[in-house]
Structure formats: C-alpha cells, structure tokens
Protein backbone atom coordinates (compact mmCIF):
# COMPACT_ATOMS: atom_id res chain seq x y z
CA MET A 1 134.24 114.35 88.55
CA ARG A 2 137.98 113.80 88.92
CA ARG A 3 138.82 117.02 87.06
CA PHE A 4 136.34 118.97 89.20
CA LEU A 5 137.79 117.64 92.45
CA ILE A 6 141.39 118.30 91.40
CA THR A 7 140.63 122.00 90.88
CA LEU A 8 139.22 122.41 94.40
CA PRO A 9 141.46 123.64 97.24
CA LEU A 10 141.95 121.06 99.96
CA ALA A 11 139.88 123.04 102.48
CA ALA A 12 136.95 123.32 100.07
CA LEU A 13 137.22 119.63 99.26
CA LEU A 14 137.08 118.74 102.96
CA LEU A 15 134.06 121.00 103.48
CA LEU A 16 132.30 119.42 100.53
CA ALA A 17 133.02 115.90 101.75
CA GLY A 18 131.93 116.80 105.30
CA ALA A 19 128.67 118.31 104.08
CA ILE A 20 127.87 115.19 102.08
CA ALA A 21 128.82 112.77 104.84
CA PHE A 22 127.45 114.59 107.89
CA GLY A 23 125.06 117.26 106.56
CA GLY A 24 122.03 115.04 106.10
CA PRO A 25 118.58 115.55 107.61
CA GLY A 26 117.71 115.03 111.27
CA GLU A 27 114.71 113.18 112.64
CA PRO A 28 111.73 115.53 113.14
CA ALA A 29 109.20 114.94 115.89
CA PRO A 30 106.03 113.22 114.62
CA MET A 31 103.43 115.68 113.34
CA ALA A 32 100.03 114.38 114.39
CA SER A 33 97.95 116.74 112.24
CA ILE A 34 99.43 115.21 109.09
CA VAL A 35 99.36 111.52 110.01
CA ASP A 36 96.45 111.04 112.43
CA PRO A 37 93.53 112.10 110.15
CA PHE A 38 94.03 109.01 108.01
CA LYS A 39 93.31 106.68 110.95
CA ASN A 40 89.58 107.12 110.41
CA VAL A 41 89.54 106.70 106.62
CA ASP A 42 87.49 103.71 105.43
CA ILE A 43 89.56 101.83 102.86
CA SER A 44 87.37 98.73 102.71
CA ASP A 45 86.47 99.62 99.11
CA LEU A 46 90.00 100.59 98.06
CA PRO A 47 90.59 99.45 94.45
CA ALA A 48 93.38 96.94 93.92
CA PRO A 49 96.50 98.49 92.42
CA ARG A 50 97.06 98.21 88.70
CA ARG A 51 100.42 98.40 86.96
CA VAL A 52 101.84 100.32 84.04
CA ALA A 53 105.29 99.77 82.57
CA ALA A 54 107.70 102.72 82.62
CA ARG A 55 110.39 103.12 79.98
CA ASP A 56 113.01 101.51 82.21
CA GLY A 57 110.85 98.42 82.72
CA GLU A 58 109.72 99.30 86.26
CA ARG A 59 106.05 98.49 86.80
CA LEU A 60 104.47 101.49 88.49
CA ALA A 61 101.32 101.22 90.59
CA TYR A 62 98.10 103.22 90.34
CA ARG A 63 94.45 102.85 91.33
CA ALA A 64 91.58 103.41 88.92
CA TYR A 65 88.14 104.72 89.94
CA ALA A 66 85.56 104.31 87.16
CA PRO A 67 82.39 106.41 87.12
CA GLN A 68 79.01 104.96 86.31
CA GLY A 69 78.27 105.42 82.64
CA THR A 70 80.43 107.23 80.13
CA PRO A 71 83.02 109.48 81.80
CA ARG A 72 82.84 113.17 81.01
CA GLY A 73 86.57 113.57 81.45
CA SER A 74 89.39 112.29 83.61
CA VAL A 75 91.53 113.30 86.57
CA VAL A 76 95.01 112.09 87.44
CA LEU A 77 95.67 112.56 91.17
CA LEU A 78 99.14 113.12 92.64
CA HIS A 79 99.57 112.51 96.37
CA GLY A 80 101.57 114.59 98.83
CA SER A 81 105.08 113.99 100.15
CA SER A 82 105.73 110.64 101.84
CA ALA A 83 102.26 109.41 100.88
CA SER A 84 100.76 107.13 98.22
CA SER A 85 97.58 106.66 96.18
CA LEU A 86 95.82 105.43 99.32
CA SER A 87 95.83 108.99 100.70
CA MET A 88 93.76 110.12 97.70
CA HIS A 89 91.04 107.48 98.20
CA VAL A 90 88.32 109.72 99.65
CA LEU A 91 88.81 112.39 97.00
CA ALA A 92 89.12 109.85 94.17
CA LYS A 93 85.81 108.22 95.08
CA ALA A 94 84.04 111.58 95.11
CA LEU A 95 85.45 112.52 91.71
CA ALA A 96 84.38 109.21 90.19
CA ALA A 97 80.90 109.66 91.65
CA ALA A 98 80.80 113.04 89.86
CA GLY A 99 81.34 111.31 86.51
CA LEU A 100 85.12 111.62 86.12
CA ALA A 101 87.42 108.71 85.36
CA THR A 102 89.93 109.05 88.17
CA TYR A 103 93.45 107.68 88.52
CA ALA A 104 95.43 107.90 91.75
CA LEU A 105 99.13 107.25 91.21
CA ASP A 106 101.86 105.84 93.42
CA MET A 107 104.63 108.11 92.22
CA ARG A 108 107.95 106.30 91.88
CA GLY A 109 109.65 106.18 95.27
CA HIS A 110 106.27 105.89 97.04
CA GLY A 111 103.78 103.14 97.79
CA ASP A 112 104.18 100.17 95.45
CA SER A 113 106.20 102.03 92.81
CA GLY A 114 109.94 101.39 92.92
CA SER A 115 112.23 101.73 95.94
CA LYS A 116 110.81 103.97 98.65
CA GLY A 117 112.47 107.34 98.88
CA ARG A 118 114.63 106.98 95.77
CA ILE A 119 114.58 107.45 92.02
CA ALA A 120 117.36 107.00 89.48
CA TYR A 121 117.67 110.57 88.17
CA VAL A 122 116.07 114.00 88.32
CA GLY A 123 113.41 114.00 85.63
CA GLN A 124 112.42 110.35 86.03
CA LEU A 125 109.06 111.28 87.54
CA ASP A 126 108.32 113.43 84.49
CA ASP A 127 109.15 110.49 82.23
CA ASP A 128 107.00 108.18 84.35
CA LEU A 129 103.97 110.46 84.05
CA GLU A 130 104.37 110.63 80.28
CA ASP A 131 104.62 106.83 80.13
CA PHE A 132 101.46 106.51 82.24
CA MET A 133 99.50 108.86 79.99
CA ARG A 134 100.70 107.13 76.84
CA SER A 135 99.76 103.68 78.18
CA THR A 136 96.37 104.44 79.75
CA GLN A 137 95.10 107.21 77.43
CA PRO A 138 92.72 108.81 79.99
CA GLN A 139 89.47 110.30 78.74
CA ARG A 140 89.73 113.91 77.54
CA PRO A 141 89.48 116.57 78.77
CA ALA A 142 92.12 115.44 81.26
CA THR A 143 93.08 117.27 84.46
CA LEU A 144 96.26 116.84 86.49
CA ALA A 145 95.43 117.49 90.15
CA GLY A 146 98.23 117.47 92.71
CA PHE A 147 98.16 117.86 96.46
CA SER A 148 101.00 119.51 98.44
CA ALA A 149 104.27 118.17 96.96
CA GLY A 150 102.13 116.63 94.23
CA GLY A 151 100.75 120.10 93.54
CA GLY A 152 104.28 121.40 93.18
CA PHE A 153 105.04 118.61 90.73
CA ALA A 154 101.85 119.41 88.82
CA LEU A 155 103.15 122.98 88.44
CA ARG A 156 106.44 121.54 87.20
CA VAL A 157 104.58 119.60 84.50
CA ALA A 158 102.35 122.57 83.66
CA ALA A 159 105.46 124.67 82.99
CA SER A 160 107.25 122.07 80.88
CA GLU A 161 107.27 121.06 77.24
CA ARG A 162 104.84 118.29 78.26
CA GLN A 163 102.16 120.66 79.53
CA ALA A 164 99.72 119.75 76.71
CA MET A 165 99.43 116.21 78.11
CA PHE A 166 96.66 117.73 80.23
CA ASP A 167 93.91 120.16 79.35
CA GLN A 168 93.94 121.85 82.76
CA TYR A 169 95.64 121.74 86.13
CA LEU A 170 94.35 121.88 89.69
CA LEU A 171 96.78 122.69 92.50
CA LEU A 172 95.71 121.67 96.01
CA ALA A 173 97.71 123.48 98.72
CA PRO A 174 100.81 123.13 96.55
CA PHE A 175 104.40 123.28 97.72
CA ILE A 176 105.97 126.01 95.58
CA SER A 177 109.47 126.49 97.00
CA GLN A 178 111.28 126.93 100.27
CA ASP A 179 112.02 130.43 98.97
CA ALA A 180 108.40 131.27 98.16
CA PRO A 181 106.37 133.54 100.47
CA THR A 182 103.88 130.70 101.01
CA TYR A 183 106.46 128.50 102.76
CA ARG A 184 106.36 128.01 106.53
CA ALA A 185 109.67 127.03 108.13
CA ASP A 186 110.12 123.25 107.79
CA SER A 187 106.62 123.11 106.29
CA GLY A 188 105.22 123.75 109.74
CA GLY A 189 107.28 120.95 111.27
CA TRP A 190 106.54 118.30 108.63
CA VAL A 191 110.09 118.07 107.26
CA ASN A 192 113.69 118.24 108.36
CA VAL A 193 116.02 119.15 105.53
CA GLY A 194 119.74 118.43 105.41
CA ILE A 195 120.68 121.79 103.95
CA PRO A 196 124.48 121.28 103.96
CA ARG A 197 124.10 118.03 102.05
CA ILE A 198 121.66 119.58 99.58
CA VAL A 199 124.00 122.50 98.91
CA ALA A 200 126.95 120.16 98.36
CA LEU A 201 125.02 117.81 96.08
CA SER A 202 123.61 120.77 94.14
CA MET A 203 127.16 121.91 93.44
CA LEU A 204 128.10 118.46 92.19
CA ASP A 205 124.90 118.21 90.20
CA ALA A 206 125.72 121.50 88.45
CA VAL A 207 128.96 120.04 87.10
CA GLY A 208 127.38 116.76 86.05
CA VAL A 209 128.27 114.65 89.08
CA HIS A 210 125.25 112.60 90.16
CA ALA A 211 126.95 109.79 92.09
CA PHE A 212 125.40 110.77 95.42
CA GLY A 213 121.84 111.43 94.26
CA SER A 214 120.45 108.52 96.30
CA LEU A 215 121.55 109.99 99.65
CA PRO A 216 118.70 111.17 101.93
CA VAL A 217 118.25 114.94 102.15
CA THR A 218 114.74 115.18 103.65
CA ARG A 219 113.01 113.29 106.47
CA PHE A 220 109.35 113.49 107.35
CA ALA A 221 107.64 113.85 110.73
CA LEU A 222 106.29 110.29 110.97
CA ASN A 223 105.76 108.08 113.98
CA GLU A 224 107.21 104.57 113.94
CA LYS A 225 104.03 102.93 112.67
CA ALA A 226 103.69 105.44 109.83
CA LYS A 227 107.32 104.96 108.80
CA ALA A 228 106.56 101.34 107.97
CA MET A 229 103.66 102.34 105.72
CA LEU A 230 104.81 105.60 104.15
CA THR A 231 108.05 106.97 102.68
CA PRO A 232 110.15 108.25 105.60
CA PHE A 233 112.80 110.14 103.59
CA TYR A 234 113.59 111.53 100.13
CA SER A 235 116.87 111.14 98.32
CA TYR A 236 118.41 114.17 96.66
CA ALA A 237 117.10 113.08 93.25
CA LEU A 238 113.54 112.52 94.48
CA ALA A 239 113.44 115.71 96.56
CA THR A 240 114.68 117.70 93.56
CA ASN A 241 112.20 116.11 91.15
CA TYR A 242 108.94 116.01 93.13
CA ARG A 243 108.47 119.77 93.18
CA PRO A 244 108.57 122.73 90.77
CA ARG A 245 111.86 123.56 89.10
CA ALA A 246 114.26 125.77 91.05
CA ASP A 247 113.12 128.89 89.18
CA TRP A 248 109.54 128.60 90.37
CA ARG A 249 108.72 132.13 89.24
CA ALA A 250 109.58 131.23 85.64
CA SER A 251 107.50 128.07 86.03
CA ILE A 252 104.43 130.10 86.95
CA ARG A 253 104.95 132.33 83.92
CA SER A 254 105.46 129.34 81.61
CA ALA A 255 102.31 127.46 82.60
CA ASN A 256 99.89 128.21 79.79
CA GLN A 257 97.07 125.73 80.38
CA PRO A 258 94.04 126.69 82.52
CA MET A 259 94.84 126.37 86.23
CA ARG A 260 93.05 126.72 89.56
CA LEU A 261 94.20 126.51 93.16
CA LEU A 262 92.44 125.46 96.36
CA ALA A 263 93.77 125.53 99.92
CA GLY A 264 92.45 125.52 103.46
CA GLU A 265 92.49 128.75 105.44
CA LEU A 266 93.91 126.81 108.42
CA ASP A 267 96.74 125.19 106.44
CA GLU A 268 99.55 124.49 108.91
CA ALA A 269 102.21 123.67 106.28
CA PHE A 270 101.92 126.77 104.08
CA PHE A 271 100.70 130.37 104.29
CA ALA A 272 97.54 129.84 102.25
CA GLU A 273 96.57 133.52 102.21
CA ARG A 274 99.68 134.30 100.16
CA TYR A 275 98.95 132.05 97.17
CA ALA A 276 96.91 134.61 95.24
CA GLY A 277 99.55 137.34 95.50
CA LEU A 278 102.31 134.92 94.55
CA PHE A 279 100.70 134.14 91.18
CA GLN A 280 99.60 137.73 90.59
CA ALA A 281 103.17 138.93 91.09
CA GLU A 282 104.20 136.81 88.08
CA GLY A 283 101.36 138.13 85.91
CA ARG A 284 99.54 134.78 85.93
CA HIS A 285 95.80 134.80 86.63
CA VAL A 286 95.04 131.71 88.69
CA PRO A 287 91.71 131.63 90.56
CA VAL A 288 92.45 130.85 94.22
CA THR A 289 89.83 129.51 96.61
CA LEU A 290 90.52 129.37 100.37
CA LEU A 291 88.25 127.08 102.36
CA PRO A 292 87.34 128.17 105.91
CA GLY A 293 87.86 125.67 108.72
CA VAL A 294 90.09 123.43 106.61
CA GLY A 295 93.70 122.52 107.36
CA HIS A 296 96.35 120.93 105.17
CA ILE A 297 95.30 117.27 105.20
CA GLY A 298 91.66 118.22 105.60
CA LEU A 299 91.68 119.50 102.03
CA THR A 300 91.55 115.89 100.80
CA LEU A 301 89.43 114.40 103.60
CA GLN A 302 86.88 116.84 105.04
CA PRO A 303 83.48 116.56 103.31
CA GLN A 304 83.12 120.28 102.58
CA ALA A 305 86.64 120.44 101.16
CA VAL A 306 86.16 117.35 98.99
CA GLN A 307 82.91 118.84 97.67
CA ALA A 308 84.75 122.07 96.84
CA VAL A 309 87.45 120.19 94.95
CA VAL A 310 84.82 118.24 92.99
CA ALA A 311 83.00 121.48 92.17
CA ALA A 312 86.21 123.17 91.02
CA LEU A 313 87.08 120.25 88.76
CA SER A 314 83.55 120.10 87.39
CA ASP A 315 83.75 123.80 86.53
CA GLN A 316 87.12 123.28 84.84
CA GLN A 317 85.82 120.33 82.83
CA ALA A 318 82.73 122.26 81.74
CA ALA A 319 84.83 125.22 80.61
CA ALA A 320 87.48 123.12 78.85
CA PRO A 321 87.84 123.70 75.09
CA ALA A 322 87.62 120.81 72.69
CA PRO A 323 90.56 118.60 73.68
CA ALA A 324 93.54 118.12 71.40
CA ARG A 325 95.95 115.25 71.73
CA PRO A 326 99.51 116.35 72.64
C-alpha cells in the first residue's frame, strides 16, 4: 500500500482520500413495497435456526424444512439484499410440502450469521456456501435458488469452479449488474450507492489493498423498525461478493448447469421484460417465465407466484440427470 500511495500525485491522493472518507452512501427514503408485504406473513411455524461451522470457526445460521417422507431432492434458498432466511419462509414451506428438502440460509452479514453488513473478504460467501454443502450434504439432485441479490450470487456460483456443487440453478428476479439492461436506477429506489467510495476502494482492491473493505458503500430503503431487524447497509466486501462477478456477461457464458429464471411482470426493482434478451445475447439458453400481476417481493409471497416457483423447481428436479458428487 505504501508503494502505491507514494507513486500517486498529491492531488490524486487527496481525491482518493476524499472519496473514501466522504463518498459513502446516503440514506434513501423507505420503500414500502419492499418492506411492508412481510407484515402479514405468519411466522408462527418458523423453524428454529440451526448452525453450521464455517472454515473460520464462525457458526452460520440456516433453517431446515423437511418434507414428509423421503425427499426427492433438495433446494438451498438464498434471500435478497438486507434480508434473512425469515424472508424465504413462505416459499420454503411450499417447497417442503412439494417433497423437497429445503434449506433457507442466513448469508454471512445477515440475520444470525456474523456481523450485519460485513464480511472479512470478497469470496468469503463462496467459501461459506461450500462449507455448508460439505457439512449438511443435501439430498441430490440439489438446486440453488436465489432471490434478487441472492439470485445474482447464485449466478456467481453457477459460473465458478464450484458450479457442480448443485445440479441446477433457479434465479428469481436476480440482480445481474448495475450495468445490465435489466437494472432500474437505484433498484427502483431500494438502494443508495456511494459511488465515489466504491470507485476508490475498487482502485485499492485492484492493487491488493483491502484495508477499507468494511466501510459501508450501500444503504437500503428501510424504515427505522426494519433497520433493527434487517441489514441496513453493505460494506464494500459484502456488496462486491453478494452478486455476480464484475464481468457478468462472462459469468452467463460460463454457467454450464441447467438454469431457469422467474420474475414478476410488475417488478419495481428490475426491468423483468429484459431478462430473456440479456441471456440470449450471451448465447445462453435460459427459460424465462414472467408472472403477470406479480411485483418484486410478491415473487416469494403471492400464492400464484409461489406455486409457479414450486412448479419450476419440480420440473427441474424431474428433468435432472443422475446426480454426481462434485
């Protein structure tokens, strides 16, 4: 770091320091369409969290939903930004009722897993998921299903050297990139991003300087009550990790396992009608289903949307080849 800083002109050094110190995210106005739908969710039958040890010793939380009888496969559910496994409760119950062993994770930095809003390094979430799979050994065929930011992270995994951990992938209204044609400005008002700080920290990250990775770069449109329950901000490391890699086009081309995508036609965070063309442009055939009358959060809560997700997963499981351990 010292050698890098010495080579910078004084003016550039001052700009860099200013961007890091003062270029963080602002406080967005609360976005009711994201937070309010969960007020009516019945969590009286919410499973107690279980724990799995990550490689650094942190005990990460997840909830298990067991089907009646022998499971015909498994699903690992990844929640959206700021959320936790609780937000996947309605969908997880429906999947278990359909005969699938279902696991809803609190990704590190969320819920009961680690320090809210922060992780130690970019790539830690990938390591955590591998540790979870190794410890729990979910029934095969196994599907990784991610919603919103979790869908973006699922794409990240699907494009990585770990992609064979799962037999197929399901992306639910996934965040692809702020540069992708599906992105609405500020995710429709859900986020405020400290762009100057991100740019400065990206420059440092590129030369191996990670000292400021815990600084907030993203804040979410939560009211005061929701801030106490959810994750109100993401550090640079978490914001960089819980999404696809920067070259999202290459990620789409590198994802070789079977994949499907569902989104609501009324999605207020992303341009849902552009998903199909986005994948086609990269030569990747991904069946895309758009659900009428369904918004962003409704994809995991509205009965017709939940039924569509269950049906899509059931179709994937039925079509899955004989599973092979990674």
